[in-house]
Amino acid sequence: MIIVAVVVCFVLLLFTPMKNKIGDNINGFVGNFANQTNKSLNEVRMPDELGAGDILEIEGKKYIVMSKKTKNTYLVISGESIGNIQFQPNQDSNGNYVTGKYEIPNEKRTDGQCSNTYEGSYIDNYLENTWYKQLPEKLQKAIQTTNIKQSAYTNISHNPKWKWFNPNGSSNFDWYYNEGTTENPNWIRYDKANYPEDAQGAYPLNCWKYNEKGHNHTTYNTISRHVFQPSVEEVSNLVDLNNANKVYNFLKGTNNSLCRIWLRDSNFSSSRNAMSLLYDIRSIRDSFYVTISWVGTRTTFTVDISKIDYKVVDTVNYK
């Protein structure tokens, strides 16, 4: 019966006055099907095809894939800063935060933890209890809780191509990059310098020692969160932290602006400083007090993309 049906269609197509009409309809159907298929493939990739650097548009916001977790879940980071937030403002005797005020951080919080402990910090509480709950309901339901842990880092060296000083001898110090050689230096201020493709920042990742415990051998807990600040290790899956230009391009972000961002990890040598990523020295650093209010936040979370509507709108390469 199938063969007979095919023959009848063939005869009608070749020998009836409607052959042009039928042919046009068939061609139109095939063309429309191909166009719709191509459109769908361009707008929504299959989950297994997503990779680090793919930019997803979800609910009108852009997020960058950092790594794949399972078949449908990915660790992503916001494509731009969600704003400047203090890591941990000081607290008064009643435990109330003194927000918006830059001052030397207390050694410890009112709960006895070091001021640079991420668990229970001001930024941790804000992201989990305020920012996350402001997301569209569909996205909230697609975000999975993630087990995270804080680490600490010790600076063991720096890149001699960089220097914090003023080559003119004045007291107005800034960061300078040596475009010359050790024997014949040519110090150029960081925002005027030309960086080779393989140039490193002032404190590349290879200048740091990883520590599982924090200051004074503080033991960090594994905690479960919906949204959180990324760690040095998580960012390194997306960005080559030994490459000055890659770090700069990442911080420039998808909204074409620069910002410093907090990282989840702490300074092993101090209870007052947290790790951050800085655009001026194009590398990670541990020198920022947790009370500083001019550092941005690029939020991270694990999302099941089978539960949301998304589009792959671009791809970036920071490795």
C-alpha atoms as a PDB file:
ATOM      1  CA  MET A   1       0.000   0.000   0.000  1.00  0.00           C
ATOM      2  CA  ILE A   2       2.855   2.355   0.771  1.00  0.00           C
ATOM      3  CA  ILE A   3       4.391   1.706  -2.654  1.00  0.00           C
ATOM      4  CA  VAL A   4       1.046   2.317  -4.381  1.00  0.00           C
ATOM      5  CA  ALA A   5       0.614   5.619  -2.523  1.00  0.00           C
ATOM      6  CA  VAL A   6       4.082   6.762  -3.556  1.00  0.00           C
ATOM      7  CA  VAL A   7       3.377   5.878  -7.207  1.00  0.00           C
ATOM      8  CA  VAL A   8       0.058   7.786  -7.171  1.00  0.00           C
ATOM      9  CA  CYS A   9       1.751  10.877  -5.747  1.00  0.00           C
ATOM     10  CA  PHE A  10       4.461  10.606  -8.385  1.00  0.00           C
ATOM     11  CA  VAL A  11       1.914  10.361 -11.205  1.00  0.00           C
ATOM     12  CA  LEU A  12      -0.053  13.329  -9.884  1.00  0.00           C
ATOM     13  CA  LEU A  13       3.102  15.349  -9.587  1.00  0.00           C
ATOM     14  CA  LEU A  14       4.271  14.681 -13.155  1.00  0.00           C
ATOM     15  CA  PHE A  15       1.115  14.424 -15.208  1.00  0.00           C
ATOM     16  CA  THR A  16      -1.554  16.686 -13.719  1.00  0.00           C
ATOM     17  CA  PRO A  17      -2.086  20.404 -14.246  1.00  0.00           C
ATOM     18  CA  MET A  18      -1.464  20.851 -10.501  1.00  0.00           C
ATOM     19  CA  LYS A  19       2.098  19.595 -10.744  1.00  0.00           C
ATOM     20  CA  ASN A  20       3.631  23.088 -10.358  1.00  0.00           C
ATOM     21  CA  LYS A  21       1.366  23.861  -7.427  1.00  0.00           C
ATOM     22  CA  ILE A  22       2.164  20.559  -5.728  1.00  0.00           C
ATOM     23  CA  GLY A  23       5.870  20.982  -6.378  1.00  0.00           C
ATOM     24  CA  ASP A  24       5.829  24.497  -4.944  1.00  0.00           C
ATOM     25  CA  ASN A  25       4.042  23.289  -1.833  1.00  0.00           C
ATOM     26  CA  ILE A  26       6.539  20.476  -1.318  1.00  0.00           C
ATOM     27  CA  ASN A  27       9.484  22.811  -1.833  1.00  0.00           C
ATOM     28  CA  GLY A  28       7.921  25.354   0.503  1.00  0.00           C
ATOM     29  CA  PHE A  29       7.371  22.759   3.189  1.00  0.00           C
ATOM     30  CA  VAL A  30      10.955  21.521   2.947  1.00  0.00           C
ATOM     31  CA  GLY A  31      12.315  25.079   2.948  1.00  0.00           C
ATOM     32  CA  ASN A  32      10.256  26.133   5.941  1.00  0.00           C
ATOM     33  CA  PHE A  33      11.218  22.997   7.825  1.00  0.00           C
ATOM     34  CA  ALA A  34      14.911  23.637   7.151  1.00  0.00           C
ATOM     35  CA  ASN A  35      14.646  27.295   8.171  1.00  0.00           C
ATOM     36  CA  GLN A  36      12.831  26.481  11.401  1.00  0.00           C
ATOM     37  CA  THR A  37      15.329  23.734  12.172  1.00  0.00           C
ATOM     38  CA  ASN A  38      18.288  26.036  11.606  1.00  0.00           C
ATOM     39  CA  LYS A  39      16.635  28.745  13.699  1.00  0.00           C
ATOM     40  CA  SER A  40      16.048  26.329  16.550  1.00  0.00           C
ATOM     41  CA  LEU A  41      19.618  25.055  16.423  1.00  0.00           C
ATOM     42  CA  ASN A  42      20.966  28.596  16.476  1.00  0.00           C
ATOM     43  CA  GLU A  43      18.784  29.709  19.378  1.00  0.00           C
ATOM     44  CA  VAL A  44      18.946  26.678  21.660  1.00  0.00           C
ATOM     45  CA  ARG A  45      21.823  24.233  21.729  1.00  0.00           C
ATOM     46  CA  MET A  46      21.474  20.805  23.225  1.00  0.00           C
ATOM     47  CA  PRO A  47      22.811  20.685  26.809  1.00  0.00           C
ATOM     48  CA  ASP A  48      25.691  18.364  25.904  1.00  0.00           C
ATOM     49  CA  GLU A  49      26.974  20.953  23.434  1.00  0.00           C
ATOM     50  CA  LEU A  50      27.494  23.760  25.960  1.00  0.00           C
ATOM     51  CA  GLY A  51      31.053  24.518  26.986  1.00  0.00           C
ATOM     52  CA  ALA A  52      33.031  26.931  29.126  1.00  0.00           C
ATOM     53  CA  GLY A  53      32.704  30.416  27.680  1.00  0.00           C
ATOM     54  CA  ASP A  54      29.232  30.029  26.164  1.00  0.00           C
ATOM     55  CA  ILE A  55      27.078  33.039  27.055  1.00  0.00           C
ATOM     56  CA  LEU A  56      23.492  32.157  27.907  1.00  0.00           C
ATOM     57  CA  GLU A  57      20.649  34.636  27.956  1.00  0.00           C
ATOM     58  CA  ILE A  58      18.205  33.694  30.712  1.00  0.00           C
ATOM     59  CA  GLU A  59      15.256  35.907  31.650  1.00  0.00           C
ATOM     60  CA  GLY A  60      16.903  38.839  29.864  1.00  0.00           C
ATOM     61  CA  LYS A  61      20.243  38.510  31.712  1.00  0.00           C
ATOM     62  CA  LYS A  62      23.535  37.062  30.486  1.00  0.00           C
ATOM     63  CA  TYR A  63      25.410  34.264  32.243  1.00  0.00           C
ATOM     64  CA  ILE A  64      28.695  32.635  31.244  1.00  0.00           C
ATOM     65  CA  VAL A  65      29.184  28.867  31.474  1.00  0.00           C
ATOM     66  CA  MET A  66      32.133  28.083  33.765  1.00  0.00           C
ATOM     67  CA  SER A  67      31.996  24.289  33.772  1.00  0.00           C
ATOM     68  CA  LYS A  68      29.694  21.330  33.224  1.00  0.00           C
ATOM     69  CA  LYS A  69      28.372  19.556  36.316  1.00  0.00           C
ATOM     70  CA  THR A  70      26.058  16.803  34.994  1.00  0.00           C
ATOM     71  CA  LYS A  71      24.128  16.159  31.773  1.00  0.00           C
ATOM     72  CA  ASN A  72      21.795  19.156  32.114  1.00  0.00           C
ATOM     73  CA  THR A  73      23.456  21.223  34.843  1.00  0.00           C
ATOM     74  CA  TYR A  74      26.138  23.858  34.484  1.00  0.00           C
ATOM     75  CA  LEU A  75      28.029  26.164  36.795  1.00  0.00           C
ATOM     76  CA  VAL A  76      27.513  29.694  35.468  1.00  0.00           C
ATOM     77  CA  ILE A  77      28.591  33.179  36.487  1.00  0.00           C
ATOM     78  CA  SER A  78      26.737  36.435  35.904  1.00  0.00           C
ATOM     79  CA  GLY A  79      27.931  38.175  32.766  1.00  0.00           C
ATOM     80  CA  GLU A  80      28.325  41.483  34.553  1.00  0.00           C
ATOM     81  CA  SER A  81      28.646  42.764  38.087  1.00  0.00           C
ATOM     82  CA  ILE A  82      25.420  42.844  40.074  1.00  0.00           C
ATOM     83  CA  GLY A  83      26.823  45.778  42.052  1.00  0.00           C
ATOM     84  CA  ASN A  84      29.448  46.743  44.611  1.00  0.00           C
ATOM     85  CA  ILE A  85      28.964  44.969  47.941  1.00  0.00           C
ATOM     86  CA  GLN A  86      31.052  44.836  51.096  1.00  0.00           C
ATOM     87  CA  PHE A  87      32.354  41.364  51.876  1.00  0.00           C
ATOM     88  CA  GLN A  88      31.946  41.927  55.621  1.00  0.00           C
ATOM     89  CA  PRO A  89      31.244  45.361  57.143  1.00  0.00           C
ATOM     90  CA  ASN A  90      32.173  45.839  60.763  1.00  0.00           C
ATOM     91  CA  GLN A  91      29.522  45.161  63.377  1.00  0.00           C
ATOM     92  CA  ASP A  92      28.607  47.182  66.443  1.00  0.00           C
ATOM     93  CA  SER A  93      28.299  45.738  69.936  1.00  0.00           C
ATOM     94  CA  ASN A  94      24.780  44.548  69.131  1.00  0.00           C
ATOM     95  CA  GLY A  95      25.901  42.716  66.024  1.00  0.00           C
ATOM     96  CA  ASN A  96      24.396  45.260  63.594  1.00  0.00           C
ATOM     97  CA  TYR A  97      26.300  45.909  60.386  1.00  0.00           C
ATOM     98  CA  VAL A  98      27.922  49.309  59.849  1.00  0.00           C
ATOM     99  CA  THR A  99      27.351  49.283  56.073  1.00  0.00           C
ATOM    100  CA  GLY A 100      28.775  51.676  53.526  1.00  0.00           C
ATOM    101  CA  LYS A 101      31.644  52.689  55.797  1.00  0.00           C
ATOM    102  CA  TYR A 102      35.223  51.885  54.868  1.00  0.00           C
ATOM    103  CA  GLU A 103      37.325  51.241  57.949  1.00  0.00           C
ATOM    104  CA  ILE A 104      39.895  48.792  59.236  1.00  0.00           C
ATOM    105  CA  PRO A 105      38.002  45.514  59.720  1.00  0.00           C
ATOM    106  CA  ASN A 106      37.664  43.925  63.097  1.00  0.00           C
ATOM    107  CA  GLU A 107      39.838  40.856  63.619  1.00  0.00           C
ATOM    108  CA  LYS A 108      36.708  38.785  64.233  1.00  0.00           C
ATOM    109  CA  ARG A 109      32.974  38.969  63.718  1.00  0.00           C
ATOM    110  CA  THR A 110      30.573  38.975  66.653  1.00  0.00           C
ATOM    111  CA  ASP A 111      30.100  35.211  66.179  1.00  0.00           C
ATOM    112  CA  GLY A 112      33.812  34.646  66.785  1.00  0.00           C
ATOM    113  CA  GLN A 113      34.722  33.840  63.163  1.00  0.00           C
ATOM    114  CA  CYS A 114      37.476  35.714  61.315  1.00  0.00           C
ATOM    115  CA  SER A 115      36.170  38.726  59.417  1.00  0.00           C
ATOM    116  CA  ASN A 116      37.192  37.141  56.096  1.00  0.00           C
ATOM    117  CA  THR A 117      35.227  33.913  56.676  1.00  0.00           C
ATOM    118  CA  TYR A 118      32.732  33.495  53.830  1.00  0.00           C
ATOM    119  CA  GLU A 119      30.178  31.315  55.644  1.00  0.00           C
ATOM    120  CA  GLY A 120      27.696  33.618  57.370  1.00  0.00           C
ATOM    121  CA  SER A 121      29.363  36.763  56.030  1.00  0.00           C
ATOM    122  CA  TYR A 122      27.429  39.828  54.937  1.00  0.00           C
ATOM    123  CA  ILE A 123      27.940  39.029  51.250  1.00  0.00           C
ATOM    124  CA  ASP A 124      26.995  35.367  51.762  1.00  0.00           C
ATOM    125  CA  ASN A 125      23.750  36.295  53.542  1.00  0.00           C
ATOM    126  CA  TYR A 126      22.883  38.959  50.966  1.00  0.00           C
ATOM    127  CA  LEU A 127      23.334  36.693  47.954  1.00  0.00           C
ATOM    128  CA  GLU A 128      21.463  33.715  49.421  1.00  0.00           C
ATOM    129  CA  ASN A 129      18.662  35.515  51.262  1.00  0.00           C
ATOM    130  CA  THR A 130      18.096  38.638  49.151  1.00  0.00           C
ATOM    131  CA  TRP A 131      19.537  38.444  45.646  1.00  0.00           C
ATOM    132  CA  TYR A 132      18.505  34.847  44.989  1.00  0.00           C
ATOM    133  CA  LYS A 133      14.931  35.487  46.139  1.00  0.00           C
ATOM    134  CA  GLN A 134      14.623  38.423  43.716  1.00  0.00           C
ATOM    135  CA  LEU A 135      15.252  36.190  40.697  1.00  0.00           C
ATOM    136  CA  PRO A 136      12.323  35.105  38.487  1.00  0.00           C
ATOM    137  CA  GLU A 137      10.516  32.147  40.040  1.00  0.00           C
ATOM    138  CA  LYS A 138      11.249  29.837  37.108  1.00  0.00           C
ATOM    139  CA  LEU A 139      14.975  30.497  37.378  1.00  0.00           C
ATOM    140  CA  GLN A 140      14.915  30.030  41.153  1.00  0.00           C
ATOM    141  CA  LYS A 141      13.403  26.569  40.685  1.00  0.00           C
ATOM    142  CA  ALA A 142      16.052  25.675  38.084  1.00  0.00           C
ATOM    143  CA  ILE A 143      18.948  26.640  40.365  1.00  0.00           C
ATOM    144  CA  GLN A 144      20.307  23.699  42.310  1.00  0.00           C
ATOM    145  CA  THR A 145      21.952  23.927  45.697  1.00  0.00           C
ATOM    146  CA  THR A 146      25.712  23.517  45.459  1.00  0.00           C
ATOM    147  CA  ASN A 147      28.132  22.322  48.110  1.00  0.00           C
ATOM    148  CA  ILE A 148      30.953  24.851  48.367  1.00  0.00           C
ATOM    149  CA  LYS A 149      33.943  25.380  50.618  1.00  0.00           C
ATOM    150  CA  GLN A 150      36.218  28.329  51.224  1.00  0.00           C
ATOM    151  CA  SER A 151      39.983  28.113  50.806  1.00  0.00           C
ATOM    152  CA  ALA A 152      42.864  30.440  51.628  1.00  0.00           C
ATOM    153  CA  TYR A 153      45.873  31.599  49.616  1.00  0.00           C
ATOM    154  CA  THR A 154      49.358  32.767  50.499  1.00  0.00           C
ATOM    155  CA  ASN A 155      51.325  35.028  48.180  1.00  0.00           C
ATOM    156  CA  ILE A 156      54.797  33.573  47.594  1.00  0.00           C
ATOM    157  CA  SER A 157      56.120  35.854  44.821  1.00  0.00           C
ATOM    158  CA  HIS A 158      55.130  38.487  42.264  1.00  0.00           C
ATOM    159  CA  ASN A 159      55.818  39.346  38.641  1.00  0.00           C
ATOM    160  CA  PRO A 160      58.888  41.680  38.494  1.00  0.00           C
ATOM    161  CA  LYS A 161      57.490  43.265  35.321  1.00  0.00           C
ATOM    162  CA  TRP A 162      55.109  45.142  37.641  1.00  0.00           C
ATOM    163  CA  LYS A 163      55.895  47.711  40.311  1.00  0.00           C
ATOM    164  CA  TRP A 164      53.913  49.889  42.718  1.00  0.00           C
ATOM    165  CA  PHE A 165      55.761  53.229  42.692  1.00  0.00           C
ATOM    166  CA  ASN A 166      56.172  56.464  40.761  1.00  0.00           C
ATOM    167  CA  PRO A 167      59.095  56.490  38.316  1.00  0.00           C
ATOM    168  CA  ASN A 168      59.242  60.295  38.617  1.00  0.00           C
ATOM    169  CA  GLY A 169      60.012  60.071  42.304  1.00  0.00           C
ATOM    170  CA  SER A 170      56.825  61.702  43.610  1.00  0.00           C
ATOM    171  CA  SER A 171      54.637  60.217  46.325  1.00  0.00           C
ATOM    172  CA  ASN A 172      51.695  59.622  43.969  1.00  0.00           C
ATOM    173  CA  PHE A 173      52.193  55.891  43.616  1.00  0.00           C
ATOM    174  CA  ASP A 174      50.435  53.726  41.073  1.00  0.00           C
ATOM    175  CA  TRP A 175      50.915  50.448  39.252  1.00  0.00           C
ATOM    176  CA  TYR A 176      53.460  50.469  36.422  1.00  0.00           C
ATOM    177  CA  TYR A 177      54.374  47.831  33.859  1.00  0.00           C
ATOM    178  CA  ASN A 178      57.888  47.490  32.448  1.00  0.00           C
ATOM    179  CA  GLU A 179      57.732  47.439  28.649  1.00  0.00           C
ATOM    180  CA  GLY A 180      61.513  47.298  28.542  1.00  0.00           C
ATOM    181  CA  THR A 181      64.040  44.875  29.982  1.00  0.00           C
ATOM    182  CA  THR A 182      65.530  44.427  33.424  1.00  0.00           C
ATOM    183  CA  GLU A 183      68.700  46.186  32.251  1.00  0.00           C
ATOM    184  CA  ASN A 184      66.848  48.959  30.394  1.00  0.00           C
ATOM    185  CA  PRO A 185      63.426  49.363  32.038  1.00  0.00           C
ATOM    186  CA  ASN A 186      60.647  51.402  30.471  1.00  0.00           C
ATOM    187  CA  TRP A 187      57.985  51.845  33.140  1.00  0.00           C
ATOM    188  CA  ILE A 188      54.510  52.668  31.767  1.00  0.00           C
ATOM    189  CA  ARG A 189      51.456  53.244  33.926  1.00  0.00           C
ATOM    190  CA  TYR A 190      49.154  50.209  33.874  1.00  0.00           C
ATOM    191  CA  ASP A 191      46.379  51.879  31.831  1.00  0.00           C
ATOM    192  CA  LYS A 192      48.815  53.123  29.147  1.00  0.00           C
ATOM    193  CA  ALA A 193      50.992  50.034  28.763  1.00  0.00           C
ATOM    194  CA  ASN A 194      50.960  47.552  25.896  1.00  0.00           C
ATOM    195  CA  TYR A 195      50.794  43.939  27.039  1.00  0.00           C
ATOM    196  CA  PRO A 196      52.075  41.048  24.887  1.00  0.00           C
ATOM    197  CA  GLU A 197      49.653  38.164  24.379  1.00  0.00           C
ATOM    198  CA  ASP A 198      51.524  35.989  26.884  1.00  0.00           C
ATOM    199  CA  ALA A 199      52.062  38.739  29.487  1.00  0.00           C
ATOM    200  CA  GLN A 200      51.256  37.944  33.102  1.00  0.00           C
ATOM    201  CA  GLY A 201      49.615  40.196  35.656  1.00  0.00           C
ATOM    202  CA  ALA A 202      51.298  41.477  38.803  1.00  0.00           C
ATOM    203  CA  TYR A 203      50.229  38.442  40.864  1.00  0.00           C
ATOM    204  CA  PRO A 204      49.422  35.543  38.500  1.00  0.00           C
ATOM    205  CA  LEU A 205      48.055  32.277  39.848  1.00  0.00           C
ATOM    206  CA  ASN A 206      51.512  30.679  39.849  1.00  0.00           C
ATOM    207  CA  CYS A 207      52.564  33.186  42.527  1.00  0.00           C
ATOM    208  CA  TRP A 208      50.132  31.767  45.094  1.00  0.00           C
ATOM    209  CA  LYS A 209      50.097  28.815  47.477  1.00  0.00           C
ATOM    210  CA  TYR A 210      46.777  27.067  48.127  1.00  0.00           C
ATOM    211  CA  ASN A 211      45.762  26.382  51.733  1.00  0.00           C
ATOM    212  CA  GLU A 212      42.813  24.272  52.812  1.00  0.00           C
ATOM    213  CA  LYS A 213      42.638  26.098  56.145  1.00  0.00           C
ATOM    214  CA  GLY A 214      42.413  29.824  56.783  1.00  0.00           C
ATOM    215  CA  HIS A 215      44.168  32.344  59.023  1.00  0.00           C
ATOM    216  CA  ASN A 216      45.386  30.839  62.302  1.00  0.00           C
ATOM    217  CA  HIS A 217      44.481  27.421  60.850  1.00  0.00           C
ATOM    218  CA  THR A 218      40.765  28.186  60.738  1.00  0.00           C
ATOM    219  CA  THR A 219      38.831  25.154  59.493  1.00  0.00           C
ATOM    220  CA  TYR A 220      36.263  25.984  56.827  1.00  0.00           C
ATOM    221  CA  ASN A 221      33.002  24.061  56.601  1.00  0.00           C
ATOM    222  CA  THR A 222      31.398  22.667  53.470  1.00  0.00           C
ATOM    223  CA  ILE A 223      28.186  24.628  53.073  1.00  0.00           C
ATOM    224  CA  SER A 224      25.209  24.389  50.704  1.00  0.00           C
ATOM    225  CA  ARG A 225      24.100  27.465  48.762  1.00  0.00           C
ATOM    226  CA  HIS A 226      21.895  28.407  45.810  1.00  0.00           C
ATOM    227  CA  VAL A 227      24.077  31.384  44.819  1.00  0.00           C
ATOM    228  CA  PHE A 228      27.567  32.319  45.930  1.00  0.00           C
ATOM    229  CA  GLN A 229      30.806  34.087  45.154  1.00  0.00           C
ATOM    230  CA  PRO A 230      33.156  32.053  42.938  1.00  0.00           C
ATOM    231  CA  SER A 231      36.409  30.640  44.264  1.00  0.00           C
ATOM    232  CA  VAL A 232      39.833  31.065  42.704  1.00  0.00           C
ATOM    233  CA  GLU A 233      39.643  27.473  41.439  1.00  0.00           C
ATOM    234  CA  GLU A 234      36.184  27.911  39.880  1.00  0.00           C
ATOM    235  CA  VAL A 235      37.226  31.084  38.059  1.00  0.00           C
ATOM    236  CA  SER A 236      40.387  29.367  36.810  1.00  0.00           C
ATOM    237  CA  ASN A 237      38.187  26.863  34.941  1.00  0.00           C
ATOM    238  CA  LEU A 238      36.969  29.766  32.809  1.00  0.00           C
ATOM    239  CA  VAL A 239      39.847  32.261  32.906  1.00  0.00           C
ATOM    240  CA  ASP A 240      43.599  31.816  32.508  1.00  0.00           C
ATOM    241  CA  LEU A 241      44.650  33.540  35.733  1.00  0.00           C
ATOM    242  CA  ASN A 242      48.277  33.528  34.565  1.00  0.00           C
ATOM    243  CA  ASN A 243      47.455  35.685  31.539  1.00  0.00           C
ATOM    244  CA  ALA A 244      47.084  39.452  32.019  1.00  0.00           C
ATOM    245  CA  ASN A 245      44.960  40.032  28.913  1.00  0.00           C
ATOM    246  CA  LYS A 246      42.585  37.150  29.639  1.00  0.00           C
ATOM    247  CA  VAL A 247      41.939  38.427  33.166  1.00  0.00           C
ATOM    248  CA  TYR A 248      41.366  41.936  31.830  1.00  0.00           C
ATOM    249  CA  ASN A 249      38.943  40.738  29.163  1.00  0.00           C
ATOM    250  CA  PHE A 250      36.974  38.702  31.692  1.00  0.00           C
ATOM    251  CA  LEU A 251      36.634  41.669  34.037  1.00  0.00           C
ATOM    252  CA  LYS A 252      35.640  43.883  31.142  1.00  0.00           C
ATOM    253  CA  GLY A 253      32.674  41.547  30.842  1.00  0.00           C
ATOM    254  CA  THR A 254      29.772  41.272  28.452  1.00  0.00           C
ATOM    255  CA  ASN A 255      28.496  44.764  29.307  1.00  0.00           C
ATOM    256  CA  ASN A 256      31.803  46.327  28.175  1.00  0.00           C
ATOM    257  CA  SER A 257      32.734  47.774  31.555  1.00  0.00           C
ATOM    258  CA  LEU A 258      35.481  47.071  34.064  1.00  0.00           C
ATOM    259  CA  CYS A 259      35.158  46.193  37.716  1.00  0.00           C
ATOM    260  CA  ARG A 260      37.008  44.525  40.518  1.00  0.00           C
ATOM    261  CA  ILE A 261      35.255  41.469  41.903  1.00  0.00           C
ATOM    262  CA  TRP A 262      35.338  39.555  45.161  1.00  0.00           C
ATOM    263  CA  LEU A 263      36.341  35.918  45.236  1.00  0.00           C
ATOM    264  CA  ARG A 264      35.147  33.534  47.937  1.00  0.00           C
ATOM    265  CA  ASP A 265      38.598  32.664  49.256  1.00  0.00           C
ATOM    266  CA  SER A 266      40.560  34.406  51.996  1.00  0.00           C
ATOM    267  CA  ASN A 267      44.044  35.682  52.699  1.00  0.00           C
ATOM    268  CA  PHE A 268      45.849  33.020  54.748  1.00  0.00           C
ATOM    269  CA  SER A 269      48.076  35.600  56.418  1.00  0.00           C
ATOM    270  CA  SER A 270      45.302  37.873  57.671  1.00  0.00           C
ATOM    271  CA  SER A 271      41.794  37.691  59.126  1.00  0.00           C
ATOM    272  CA  ARG A 272      40.857  41.005  57.485  1.00  0.00           C
ATOM    273  CA  ASN A 273      41.504  40.443  53.775  1.00  0.00           C
ATOM    274  CA  ALA A 274      39.677  38.447  51.109  1.00  0.00           C
ATOM    275  CA  MET A 275      40.828  37.405  47.654  1.00  0.00           C
ATOM    276  CA  SER A 276      39.718  39.507  44.704  1.00  0.00           C
ATOM    277  CA  LEU A 277      40.336  39.906  40.991  1.00  0.00           C
ATOM    278  CA  LEU A 278      41.633  43.323  39.931  1.00  0.00           C
ATOM    279  CA  TYR A 279      41.560  44.843  36.463  1.00  0.00           C
ATOM    280  CA  ASP A 280      44.401  47.352  37.018  1.00  0.00           C
ATOM    281  CA  ILE A 281      47.019  44.710  37.848  1.00  0.00           C
ATOM    282  CA  ARG A 282      45.230  42.085  35.731  1.00  0.00           C
ATOM    283  CA  SER A 283      45.487  39.363  38.348  1.00  0.00           C
ATOM    284  CA  ILE A 284      44.207  38.075  41.682  1.00  0.00           C
ATOM    285  CA  ARG A 285      45.145  39.881  44.909  1.00  0.00           C
ATOM    286  CA  ASP A 286      44.668  39.499  48.649  1.00  0.00           C
ATOM    287  CA  SER A 287      45.160  43.094  49.761  1.00  0.00           C
ATOM    288  CA  PHE A 288      41.553  44.306  49.985  1.00  0.00           C
ATOM    289  CA  TYR A 289      39.967  44.783  53.381  1.00  0.00           C
ATOM    290  CA  VAL A 290      36.610  43.026  53.630  1.00  0.00           C
ATOM    291  CA  THR A 291      35.016  46.374  54.571  1.00  0.00           C
ATOM    292  CA  ILE A 292      35.860  47.990  51.212  1.00  0.00           C
ATOM    293  CA  SER A 293      32.686  49.077  49.431  1.00  0.00           C
ATOM    294  CA  TRP A 294      33.922  49.550  45.844  1.00  0.00           C
ATOM    295  CA  VAL A 295      34.439  45.915  44.828  1.00  0.00           C
ATOM    296  CA  GLY A 296      31.916  44.285  42.485  1.00  0.00           C
ATOM    297  CA  THR A 297      30.147  40.954  42.626  1.00  0.00           C
ATOM    298  CA  ARG A 298      29.830  38.386  39.835  1.00  0.00           C
ATOM    299  CA  THR A 299      27.450  35.785  41.224  1.00  0.00           C
ATOM    300  CA  THR A 300      27.777  32.055  40.576  1.00  0.00           C
ATOM    301  CA  PHE A 301      25.244  29.224  40.663  1.00  0.00           C
ATOM    302  CA  THR A 302      24.462  25.769  39.281  1.00  0.00           C
ATOM    303  CA  VAL A 303      21.474  25.738  36.916  1.00  0.00           C
ATOM    304  CA  ASP A 304      19.512  22.917  35.295  1.00  0.00           C
ATOM    305  CA  ILE A 305      18.984  24.312  31.818  1.00  0.00           C
ATOM    306  CA  SER A 306      16.371  21.689  30.967  1.00  0.00           C
ATOM    307  CA  LYS A 307      14.024  23.601  33.302  1.00  0.00           C
ATOM    308  CA  ILE A 308      14.431  27.073  31.801  1.00  0.00           C
ATOM    309  CA  ASP A 309      14.177  28.941  28.511  1.00  0.00           C
ATOM    310  CA  TYR A 310      17.582  30.097  27.331  1.00  0.00           C
ATOM    311  CA  LYS A 311      19.531  31.122  24.249  1.00  0.00           C
ATOM    312  CA  VAL A 312      23.226  30.834  23.463  1.00  0.00           C
ATOM    313  CA  VAL A 313      23.913  34.397  22.329  1.00  0.00           C
ATOM    314  CA  ASP A 314      27.703  34.404  22.128  1.00  0.00           C
ATOM    315  CA  THR A 315      30.891  32.633  23.162  1.00  0.00           C
ATOM    316  CA  VAL A 316      33.983  34.066  24.856  1.00  0.00           C
ATOM    317  CA  ASN A 317      37.445  32.614  25.274  1.00  0.00           C
ATOM    318  CA  TYR A 318      39.336  33.587  28.405  1.00  0.00           C
ATOM    319  CA  LYS A 319      41.688  30.564  28.419  1.00  0.00           C
END
